[in-house]
Amino acid sequence: MAVHPARERLAADQATLDEQVDQLTQVQAERRERLIRR
């Protein structure tokens, strides 16, 4: 059974979004640590 192209694109977009969220979470954690150290 072939996967619908639109569904495939959605899955790829979701993976990209998940990656971006991970990066943002990491950046926020680093900023928080820097603020706490001051």
N, C-alpha and C. Protein backbone atom coordinates (compact mmCIF):
# COMPACT_ATOMS: atom_id res chain seq x y z
N MET A 1 0.84 -1.20 0.00
CA MET A 1 0.00 0.00 0.00
C MET A 1 0.88 1.26 0.00
N ALA A 2 0.65 2.11 -1.00
CA ALA A 2 1.46 3.32 -1.14
C ALA A 2 1.02 4.38 -0.14
N VAL A 3 2.01 5.12 0.36
CA VAL A 3 1.71 6.20 1.30
C VAL A 3 1.34 7.44 0.50
N HIS A 4 0.28 8.11 0.90
CA HIS A 4 -0.17 9.32 0.22
C HIS A 4 0.92 10.39 0.32
N PRO A 5 1.28 11.02 -0.83
CA PRO A 5 2.34 12.04 -0.83
C PRO A 5 2.13 13.15 0.20
N ALA A 6 0.89 13.60 0.33
CA ALA A 6 0.60 14.67 1.29
C ALA A 6 0.88 14.21 2.71
N ARG A 7 0.54 12.94 2.96
CA ARG A 7 0.77 12.39 4.30
C ARG A 7 2.27 12.27 4.57
N GLU A 8 3.00 11.89 3.52
CA GLU A 8 4.46 11.77 3.65
C GLU A 8 5.05 13.15 3.95
N ARG A 9 4.54 14.17 3.27
CA ARG A 9 5.03 15.53 3.47
C ARG A 9 4.73 16.00 4.89
N LEU A 10 3.54 15.66 5.38
CA LEU A 10 3.16 16.03 6.75
C LEU A 10 4.11 15.39 7.76
N ALA A 11 4.44 14.13 7.53
CA ALA A 11 5.33 13.42 8.45
C ALA A 11 6.71 14.10 8.46
N ALA A 12 7.18 14.50 7.28
CA ALA A 12 8.48 15.16 7.19
C ALA A 12 8.43 16.52 7.89
N ASP A 13 7.33 17.26 7.68
CA ASP A 13 7.17 18.55 8.34
C ASP A 13 7.15 18.38 9.86
N GLN A 14 6.46 17.35 10.32
CA GLN A 14 6.36 17.10 11.76
C GLN A 14 7.74 16.80 12.34
N ALA A 15 8.54 16.03 11.60
CA ALA A 15 9.89 15.69 12.06
C ALA A 15 10.73 16.97 12.16
N THR A 16 10.58 17.85 11.18
CA THR A 16 11.32 19.12 11.18
C THR A 16 10.90 19.98 12.36
N LEU A 17 9.58 20.03 12.60
CA LEU A 17 9.07 20.82 13.73
C LEU A 17 9.59 20.26 15.05
N ASP A 18 9.59 18.94 15.18
CA ASP A 18 10.08 18.32 16.41
C ASP A 18 11.53 18.70 16.65
N GLU A 19 12.33 18.71 15.56
CA GLU A 19 13.74 19.08 15.67
C GLU A 19 13.88 20.52 16.15
N GLN A 20 13.08 21.42 15.55
CA GLN A 20 13.14 22.83 15.91
C GLN A 20 12.75 23.05 17.37
N VAL A 21 11.74 22.31 17.82
CA VAL A 21 11.30 22.43 19.21
C VAL A 21 12.42 21.97 20.15
N ASP A 22 13.09 20.86 19.78
CA ASP A 22 14.20 20.36 20.59
C ASP A 22 15.29 21.42 20.71
N GLN A 23 15.62 22.06 19.57
CA GLN A 23 16.67 23.08 19.57
C GLN A 23 16.28 24.27 20.44
N LEU A 24 15.01 24.71 20.31
CA LEU A 24 14.53 25.84 21.11
C LEU A 24 14.58 25.51 22.59
N THR A 25 14.16 24.31 22.94
CA THR A 25 14.16 23.88 24.34
C THR A 25 15.58 23.92 24.89
N GLN A 26 16.53 23.47 24.07
CA GLN A 26 17.93 23.44 24.48
C GLN A 26 18.45 24.87 24.68
N VAL A 27 18.10 25.76 23.74
CA VAL A 27 18.54 27.16 23.83
C VAL A 27 17.98 27.80 25.09
N GLN A 28 16.69 27.56 25.37
CA GLN A 28 16.06 28.14 26.55
C GLN A 28 16.72 27.62 27.83
N ALA A 29 17.05 26.34 27.86
CA ALA A 29 17.70 25.75 29.03
C ALA A 29 19.07 26.40 29.26
N GLU A 30 19.81 26.62 28.16
CA GLU A 30 21.13 27.25 28.27
C GLU A 30 21.00 28.68 28.79
N ARG A 31 20.00 29.41 28.29
CA ARG A 31 19.80 30.79 28.74
C ARG A 31 19.45 30.83 30.22
N ARG A 32 18.60 29.89 30.62
CA ARG A 32 18.17 29.84 32.02
C ARG A 32 19.39 29.59 32.91
N GLU A 33 20.25 28.66 32.48
CA GLU A 33 21.45 28.34 33.27
C GLU A 33 22.34 29.57 33.39
N ARG A 34 22.50 30.32 32.30
CA ARG A 34 23.34 31.51 32.32
C ARG A 34 22.78 32.55 33.28
N LEU A 35 21.45 32.69 33.28
CA LEU A 35 20.82 33.67 34.18
C LEU A 35 21.00 33.26 35.63
N ILE A 36 20.89 31.96 35.90
CA ILE A 36 21.02 31.47 37.28
C ILE A 36 22.45 31.68 37.79
N ARG A 37 23.45 31.50 36.89
CA ARG A 37 24.85 31.62 37.30
C ARG A 37 25.23 33.03 37.73
N ARG A 38 24.54 34.05 37.20
CA ARG A 38 24.90 35.43 37.50
C ARG A 38 24.74 35.77 38.95
